[in-house]
Amino acid sequence: MRTTIDIPDPIYREIKIRAASEGRTIREVILEGVAAQLGNRGPARKPTRRFRLPTIPSKNPGSLKLGEEGVYEYIPFP
């Protein structure tokens, strides 16, 4: 069902920021809040896409001082 509601600008901005930071839509955030107010569990959250950053093994972590070009020695790029 569709409906129209007026949301004050400051609250809408907060909703928009939260949705963006969680990688969700504004609709998902609002529906979760409504479900929480009604005492429901709410819709299942979509899993966040995880990704792994490349790591450089080291016997002394934090000791490598890499510049923009130095990283190419340790991490192969296509």
PDB file of N, CA and C in Angstrom:
ATOM      1  N   MET A   1       0.844  -1.169   0.000  1.00  0.00           N
ATOM      2  CA  MET A   1       0.000   0.000   0.000  1.00  0.00           C
ATOM      3  C   MET A   1       0.893   1.237   0.000  1.00  0.00           C
ATOM      4  N   ARG A   2       0.470   2.231  -0.706  1.00  0.00           N
ATOM      5  CA  ARG A   2       1.194   3.500  -0.748  1.00  0.00           C
ATOM      6  C   ARG A   2       0.461   4.531   0.088  1.00  0.00           C
ATOM      7  N   THR A   3       1.242   5.395   0.732  1.00  0.00           N
ATOM      8  CA  THR A   3       0.670   6.498   1.490  1.00  0.00           C
ATOM      9  C   THR A   3       1.651   7.659   1.449  1.00  0.00           C
ATOM     10  N   THR A   4       1.189   8.815   1.805  1.00  0.00           N
ATOM     11  CA  THR A   4       2.047  10.004   1.824  1.00  0.00           C
ATOM     12  C   THR A   4       2.067  10.563   3.231  1.00  0.00           C
ATOM     13  N   ILE A   5       3.268  10.839   3.725  1.00  0.00           N
ATOM     14  CA  ILE A   5       3.400  11.470   5.033  1.00  0.00           C
ATOM     15  C   ILE A   5       4.389  12.620   4.914  1.00  0.00           C
ATOM     16  N   ASP A   6       4.251  13.584   5.797  1.00  0.00           N
ATOM     17  CA  ASP A   6       5.188  14.710   5.835  1.00  0.00           C
ATOM     18  C   ASP A   6       6.211  14.445   6.930  1.00  0.00           C
ATOM     19  N   ILE A   7       7.476  14.415   6.554  1.00  0.00           N
ATOM     20  CA  ILE A   7       8.564  14.211   7.503  1.00  0.00           C
ATOM     21  C   ILE A   7       9.356  15.508   7.561  1.00  0.00           C
ATOM     22  N   PRO A   8       9.554  16.064   8.741  1.00  0.00           N
ATOM     23  CA  PRO A   8      10.340  17.298   8.853  1.00  0.00           C
ATOM     24  C   PRO A   8      11.739  17.108   8.258  1.00  0.00           C
ATOM     25  N   ASP A   9      12.248  18.152   7.622  1.00  0.00           N
ATOM     26  CA  ASP A   9      13.540  18.071   6.935  1.00  0.00           C
ATOM     27  C   ASP A   9      14.677  17.539   7.804  1.00  0.00           C
ATOM     28  N   PRO A  10      14.846  18.014   9.043  1.00  0.00           N
ATOM     29  CA  PRO A  10      15.967  17.508   9.846  1.00  0.00           C
ATOM     30  C   PRO A  10      15.880  15.993  10.095  1.00  0.00           C
ATOM     31  N   ILE A  11      14.664  15.491  10.320  1.00  0.00           N
ATOM     32  CA  ILE A  11      14.497  14.058  10.551  1.00  0.00           C
ATOM     33  C   ILE A  11      14.762  13.284   9.269  1.00  0.00           C
ATOM     34  N   TYR A  12      14.280  13.789   8.150  1.00  0.00           N
ATOM     35  CA  TYR A  12      14.507  13.117   6.872  1.00  0.00           C
ATOM     36  C   TYR A  12      16.000  13.031   6.568  1.00  0.00           C
ATOM     37  N   ARG A  13      16.743  14.108   6.863  1.00  0.00           N
ATOM     38  CA  ARG A  13      18.192  14.084   6.634  1.00  0.00           C
ATOM     39  C   ARG A  13      18.861  13.004   7.482  1.00  0.00           C
ATOM     40  N   GLU A  14      18.410  12.869   8.740  1.00  0.00           N
ATOM     41  CA  GLU A  14      18.981  11.829   9.601  1.00  0.00           C
ATOM     42  C   GLU A  14      18.696  10.434   9.051  1.00  0.00           C
ATOM     43  N   ILE A  15      17.464  10.236   8.580  1.00  0.00           N
ATOM     44  CA  ILE A  15      17.099   8.945   7.995  1.00  0.00           C
ATOM     45  C   ILE A  15      17.958   8.664   6.766  1.00  0.00           C
ATOM     46  N   LYS A  16      18.124   9.672   5.935  1.00  0.00           N
ATOM     47  CA  LYS A  16      18.904   9.522   4.706  1.00  0.00           C
ATOM     48  C   LYS A  16      20.364   9.199   5.017  1.00  0.00           C
ATOM     49  N   ILE A  17      20.926   9.861   6.026  1.00  0.00           N
ATOM     50  CA  ILE A  17      22.316   9.611   6.418  1.00  0.00           C
ATOM     51  C   ILE A  17      22.464   8.187   6.951  1.00  0.00           C
ATOM     52  N   ARG A  18      21.528   7.771   7.811  1.00  0.00           N
ATOM     53  CA  ARG A  18      21.602   6.418   8.357  1.00  0.00           C
ATOM     54  C   ARG A  18      21.490   5.374   7.256  1.00  0.00           C
ATOM     55  N   ALA A  19      20.549   5.575   6.346  1.00  0.00           N
ATOM     56  CA  ALA A  19      20.367   4.614   5.252  1.00  0.00           C
ATOM     57  C   ALA A  19      21.636   4.506   4.417  1.00  0.00           C
ATOM     58  N   ALA A  20      22.234   5.632   4.090  1.00  0.00           N
ATOM     59  CA  ALA A  20      23.446   5.627   3.271  1.00  0.00           C
ATOM     60  C   ALA A  20      24.598   4.954   4.011  1.00  0.00           C
ATOM     61  N   SER A  21      24.740   5.236   5.296  1.00  0.00           N
ATOM     62  CA  SER A  21      25.858   4.666   6.042  1.00  0.00           C
ATOM     63  C   SER A  21      25.706   3.158   6.230  1.00  0.00           C
ATOM     64  N   GLU A  22      24.467   2.659   6.222  1.00  0.00           N
ATOM     65  CA  GLU A  22      24.217   1.229   6.381  1.00  0.00           C
ATOM     66  C   GLU A  22      24.033   0.520   5.045  1.00  0.00           C
ATOM     67  N   GLY A  23      24.110   1.273   3.946  1.00  0.00           N
ATOM     68  CA  GLY A  23      23.943   0.668   2.628  1.00  0.00           C
ATOM     69  C   GLY A  23      22.538   0.164   2.376  1.00  0.00           C
ATOM     70  N   ARG A  24      21.547   0.866   2.945  1.00  0.00           N
ATOM     71  CA  ARG A  24      20.156   0.471   2.793  1.00  0.00           C
ATOM     72  C   ARG A  24      19.374   1.609   2.152  1.00  0.00           C
ATOM     73  N   THR A  25      18.124   1.335   1.830  1.00  0.00           N
ATOM     74  CA  THR A  25      17.281   2.376   1.264  1.00  0.00           C
ATOM     75  C   THR A  25      16.568   3.112   2.391  1.00  0.00           C
ATOM     76  N   ILE A  26      16.100   4.314   2.081  1.00  0.00           N
ATOM     77  CA  ILE A  26      15.330   5.094   3.048  1.00  0.00           C
ATOM     78  C   ILE A  26      14.069   4.327   3.432  1.00  0.00           C
ATOM     79  N   ARG A  27      13.463   3.686   2.470  1.00  0.00           N
ATOM     80  CA  ARG A  27      12.247   2.903   2.714  1.00  0.00           C
ATOM     81  C   ARG A  27      12.506   1.816   3.756  1.00  0.00           C
ATOM     82  N   GLU A  28      13.632   1.092   3.629  1.00  0.00           N
ATOM     83  CA  GLU A  28      13.957   0.031   4.579  1.00  0.00           C
ATOM     84  C   GLU A  28      14.115   0.577   6.000  1.00  0.00           C
ATOM     85  N   VAL A  29      14.783   1.724   6.126  1.00  0.00           N
ATOM     86  CA  VAL A  29      14.996   2.314   7.450  1.00  0.00           C
ATOM     87  C   VAL A  29      13.665   2.739   8.070  1.00  0.00           C
ATOM     88  N   ILE A  30      12.812   3.371   7.275  1.00  0.00           N
ATOM     89  CA  ILE A  30      11.516   3.824   7.791  1.00  0.00           C
ATOM     90  C   ILE A  30      10.650   2.635   8.186  1.00  0.00           C
ATOM     91  N   LEU A  31      10.593   1.597   7.345  1.00  0.00           N
ATOM     92  CA  LEU A  31       9.783   0.422   7.668  1.00  0.00           C
ATOM     93  C   LEU A  31      10.291  -0.284   8.921  1.00  0.00           C
ATOM     94  N   GLU A  32      11.594  -0.310   9.103  1.00  0.00           N
ATOM     95  CA  GLU A  32      12.148  -0.916  10.316  1.00  0.00           C
ATOM     96  C   GLU A  32      11.707  -0.136  11.560  1.00  0.00           C
ATOM     97  N   GLY A  33      11.712   1.194  11.458  1.00  0.00           N
ATOM     98  CA  GLY A  33      11.275   2.025  12.580  1.00  0.00           C
ATOM     99  C   GLY A  33       9.797   1.853  12.887  1.00  0.00           C
ATOM    100  N   VAL A  34       8.980   1.778  11.856  1.00  0.00           N
ATOM    101  CA  VAL A  34       7.547   1.583  12.051  1.00  0.00           C
ATOM    102  C   VAL A  34       7.296   0.211  12.675  1.00  0.00           C
ATOM    103  N   ALA A  35       7.975  -0.804  12.177  1.00  0.00           N
ATOM    104  CA  ALA A  35       7.804  -2.153  12.725  1.00  0.00           C
ATOM    105  C   ALA A  35       8.222  -2.196  14.194  1.00  0.00           C
ATOM    106  N   ALA A  36       9.290  -1.495  14.544  1.00  0.00           N
ATOM    107  CA  ALA A  36       9.745  -1.460  15.938  1.00  0.00           C
ATOM    108  C   ALA A  36       8.689  -0.794  16.818  1.00  0.00           C
ATOM    109  N   GLN A  37       8.060   0.261  16.329  1.00  0.00           N
ATOM    110  CA  GLN A  37       7.018   0.944  17.101  1.00  0.00           C
ATOM    111  C   GLN A  37       5.782   0.068  17.275  1.00  0.00           C
ATOM    112  N   LEU A  38       5.511  -0.780  16.313  1.00  0.00           N
ATOM    113  CA  LEU A  38       4.349  -1.668  16.389  1.00  0.00           C
ATOM    114  C   LEU A  38       4.662  -2.935  17.172  1.00  0.00           C
ATOM    115  N   GLY A  39       5.906  -3.121  17.554  1.00  0.00           N
ATOM    116  CA  GLY A  39       6.293  -4.293  18.326  1.00  0.00           C
ATOM    117  C   GLY A  39       6.633  -5.494  17.474  1.00  0.00           C
ATOM    118  N   ASN A  40       6.733  -5.303  16.179  1.00  0.00           N
ATOM    119  CA  ASN A  40       7.105  -6.397  15.286  1.00  0.00           C
ATOM    120  C   ASN A  40       8.620  -6.478  15.187  1.00  0.00           C
ATOM    121  N   ARG A  41       9.080  -7.595  14.718  1.00  0.00           N
ATOM    122  CA  ARG A  41      10.505  -7.783  14.527  1.00  0.00           C
ATOM    123  C   ARG A  41      11.025  -6.941  13.380  1.00  0.00           C
ATOM    124  N   GLY A  42      10.216  -6.700  12.394  1.00  0.00           N
ATOM    125  CA  GLY A  42      10.630  -5.910  11.249  1.00  0.00           C
ATOM    126  C   GLY A  42      11.175  -6.781  10.141  1.00  0.00           C
ATOM    127  N   PRO A  43      11.363  -6.179   8.976  1.00  0.00           N
ATOM    128  CA  PRO A  43      11.862  -6.942   7.834  1.00  0.00           C
ATOM    129  C   PRO A  43      13.314  -7.375   8.065  1.00  0.00           C
ATOM    130  N   ALA A  44      13.642  -8.516   7.520  1.00  0.00           N
ATOM    131  CA  ALA A  44      15.018  -9.007   7.635  1.00  0.00           C
ATOM    132  C   ALA A  44      15.953  -8.076   6.878  1.00  0.00           C
ATOM    133  N   ARG A  45      17.076  -7.781   7.492  1.00  0.00           N
ATOM    134  CA  ARG A  45      18.047  -6.893   6.858  1.00  0.00           C
ATOM    135  C   ARG A  45      18.849  -7.672   5.830  1.00  0.00           C
ATOM    136  N   LYS A  46      19.103  -7.029   4.726  1.00  0.00           N
ATOM    137  CA  LYS A  46      19.946  -7.642   3.719  1.00  0.00           C
ATOM    138  C   LYS A  46      21.377  -7.676   4.241  1.00  0.00           C
ATOM    139  N   PRO A  47      22.097  -8.750   3.975  1.00  0.00           N
ATOM    140  CA  PRO A  47      23.474  -8.791   4.439  1.00  0.00           C
ATOM    141  C   PRO A  47      24.317  -7.731   3.730  1.00  0.00           C
ATOM    142  N   THR A  48      25.188  -7.118   4.502  1.00  0.00           N
ATOM    143  CA  THR A  48      26.067  -6.102   3.944  1.00  0.00           C
ATOM    144  C   THR A  48      27.132  -6.783   3.101  1.00  0.00           C
ATOM    145  N   ARG A  49      27.425  -6.217   1.979  1.00  0.00           N
ATOM    146  CA  ARG A  49      28.489  -6.771   1.145  1.00  0.00           C
ATOM    147  C   ARG A  49      29.823  -6.538   1.829  1.00  0.00           C
ATOM    148  N   ARG A  50      30.526  -7.606   2.059  1.00  0.00           N
ATOM    149  CA  ARG A  50      31.841  -7.519   2.682  1.00  0.00           C
ATOM    150  C   ARG A  50      32.910  -7.665   1.612  1.00  0.00           C
ATOM    151  N   PHE A  51      33.974  -6.982   1.800  1.00  0.00           N
ATOM    152  CA  PHE A  51      35.094  -7.141   0.894  1.00  0.00           C
ATOM    153  C   PHE A  51      36.367  -7.146   1.713  1.00  0.00           C
ATOM    154  N   ARG A  52      37.383  -7.758   1.180  1.00  0.00           N
ATOM    155  CA  ARG A  52      38.652  -7.856   1.877  1.00  0.00           C
ATOM    156  C   ARG A  52      39.684  -6.984   1.177  1.00  0.00           C
ATOM    157  N   LEU A  53      40.353  -6.202   1.976  1.00  0.00           N
ATOM    158  CA  LEU A  53      41.433  -5.380   1.447  1.00  0.00           C
ATOM    159  C   LEU A  53      42.694  -6.224   1.370  1.00  0.00           C
ATOM    160  N   PRO A  54      43.560  -5.943   0.406  1.00  0.00           N
ATOM    161  CA  PRO A  54      44.807  -6.705   0.339  1.00  0.00           C
ATOM    162  C   PRO A  54      45.681  -6.378   1.554  1.00  0.00           C
ATOM    163  N   THR A  55      46.356  -7.388   2.055  1.00  0.00           N
ATOM    164  CA  THR A  55      47.247  -7.177   3.197  1.00  0.00           C
ATOM    165  C   THR A  55      48.668  -7.537   2.811  1.00  0.00           C
ATOM    166  N   ILE A  56      49.603  -6.951   3.499  1.00  0.00           N
ATOM    167  CA  ILE A  56      51.017  -7.227   3.275  1.00  0.00           C
ATOM    168  C   ILE A  56      51.544  -7.886   4.545  1.00  0.00           C
ATOM    169  N   PRO A  57      51.925  -9.171   4.469  1.00  0.00           N
ATOM    170  CA  PRO A  57      52.433  -9.836   5.661  1.00  0.00           C
ATOM    171  C   PRO A  57      53.742  -9.179   6.117  1.00  0.00           C
ATOM    172  N   SER A  58      53.905  -9.091   7.422  1.00  0.00           N
ATOM    173  CA  SER A  58      55.103  -8.468   7.959  1.00  0.00           C
ATOM    174  C   SER A  58      55.420  -9.063   9.325  1.00  0.00           C
ATOM    175  N   LYS A  59      56.705  -9.245   9.604  1.00  0.00           N
ATOM    176  CA  LYS A  59      57.116  -9.728  10.921  1.00  0.00           C
ATOM    177  C   LYS A  59      57.056  -8.598  11.944  1.00  0.00           C
ATOM    178  N   ASN A  60      57.058  -7.374  11.465  1.00  0.00           N
ATOM    179  CA  ASN A  60      57.016  -6.206  12.330  1.00  0.00           C
ATOM    180  C   ASN A  60      55.925  -5.267  11.805  1.00  0.00           C
ATOM    181  N   PRO A  61      54.639  -5.534  12.146  1.00  0.00           N
ATOM    182  CA  PRO A  61      53.552  -4.718  11.600  1.00  0.00           C
ATOM    183  C   PRO A  61      53.724  -3.231  11.883  1.00  0.00           C
ATOM    184  N   GLY A  62      53.398  -2.445  10.882  1.00  0.00           N
ATOM    185  CA  GLY A  62      53.502  -1.001  11.005  1.00  0.00           C
ATOM    186  C   GLY A  62      54.857  -0.447  10.650  1.00  0.00           C
ATOM    187  N   SER A  63      55.796  -1.329  10.296  1.00  0.00           N
ATOM    188  CA  SER A  63      57.149  -0.863  10.016  1.00  0.00           C
ATOM    189  C   SER A  63      57.355  -0.462   8.559  1.00  0.00           C
ATOM    190  N   LEU A  64      56.483  -0.925   7.665  1.00  0.00           N
ATOM    191  CA  LEU A  64      56.642  -0.577   6.253  1.00  0.00           C
ATOM    192  C   LEU A  64      56.172   0.845   6.007  1.00  0.00           C
ATOM    193  N   LYS A  65      56.993   1.622   5.396  1.00  0.00           N
ATOM    194  CA  LYS A  65      56.622   2.986   5.024  1.00  0.00           C
ATOM    195  C   LYS A  65      56.488   3.001   3.505  1.00  0.00           C
ATOM    196  N   LEU A  66      55.249   2.915   3.052  1.00  0.00           N
ATOM    197  CA  LEU A  66      54.998   2.842   1.618  1.00  0.00           C
ATOM    198  C   LEU A  66      54.509   4.176   1.088  1.00  0.00           C
ATOM    199  N   GLY A  67      55.093   4.595  -0.003  1.00  0.00           N
ATOM    200  CA  GLY A  67      54.587   5.754  -0.707  1.00  0.00           C
ATOM    201  C   GLY A  67      53.623   5.283  -1.769  1.00  0.00           C
ATOM    202  N   GLU A  68      53.183   6.188  -2.608  1.00  0.00           N
ATOM    203  CA  GLU A  68      52.234   5.823  -3.654  1.00  0.00           C
ATOM    204  C   GLU A  68      52.808   4.780  -4.606  1.00  0.00           C
ATOM    205  N   GLU A  69      54.082   4.862  -4.911  1.00  0.00           N
ATOM    206  CA  GLU A  69      54.690   3.924  -5.841  1.00  0.00           C
ATOM    207  C   GLU A  69      55.185   2.661  -5.139  1.00  0.00           C
ATOM    208  N   GLY A  70      55.545   2.736  -3.863  1.00  0.00           N
ATOM    209  CA  GLY A  70      56.110   1.603  -3.145  1.00  0.00           C
ATOM    210  C   GLY A  70      55.156   0.441  -2.982  1.00  0.00           C
ATOM    211  N   VAL A  71      53.888   0.697  -2.982  1.00  0.00           N
ATOM    212  CA  VAL A  71      52.904  -0.354  -2.794  1.00  0.00           C
ATOM    213  C   VAL A  71      52.930  -1.350  -3.960  1.00  0.00           C
ATOM    214  N   TYR A  72      53.324  -0.915  -5.129  1.00  0.00           N
ATOM    215  CA  TYR A  72      53.339  -1.793  -6.297  1.00  0.00           C
ATOM    216  C   TYR A  72      54.377  -2.909  -6.163  1.00  0.00           C
ATOM    217  N   GLU A  73      55.367  -2.734  -5.293  1.00  0.00           N
ATOM    218  CA  GLU A  73      56.369  -3.767  -5.072  1.00  0.00           C
ATOM    219  C   GLU A  73      55.774  -4.966  -4.320  1.00  0.00           C
ATOM    220  N   TYR A  74      54.747  -4.721  -3.498  1.00  0.00           N
ATOM    221  CA  TYR A  74      54.206  -5.742  -2.636  1.00  0.00           C
ATOM    222  C   TYR A  74      52.861  -6.314  -3.082  1.00  0.00           C
ATOM    223  N   ILE A  75      52.076  -5.508  -3.755  1.00  0.00           N
ATOM    224  CA  ILE A  75      50.745  -5.946  -4.167  1.00  0.00           C
ATOM    225  C   ILE A  75      50.668  -5.902  -5.682  1.00  0.00           C
ATOM    226  N   PRO A  76      50.436  -7.064  -6.322  1.00  0.00           N
ATOM    227  CA  PRO A  76      50.341  -7.081  -7.783  1.00  0.00           C
ATOM    228  C   PRO A  76      49.041  -6.446  -8.259  1.00  0.00           C
ATOM    229  N   PHE A  77      49.141  -5.608  -9.231  1.00  0.00           N
ATOM    230  CA  PHE A  77      47.974  -4.974  -9.840  1.00  0.00           C
ATOM    231  C   PHE A  77      47.887  -5.422 -11.289  1.00  0.00           C
ATOM    232  N   PRO A  78      46.677  -5.547 -11.768  1.00  0.00           N
ATOM    233  CA  PRO A  78      46.509  -5.990 -13.177  1.00  0.00           C
ATOM    234  C   PRO A  78      47.047  -4.972 -14.161  1.00  0.00           C
TER     235      PRO A  78
END
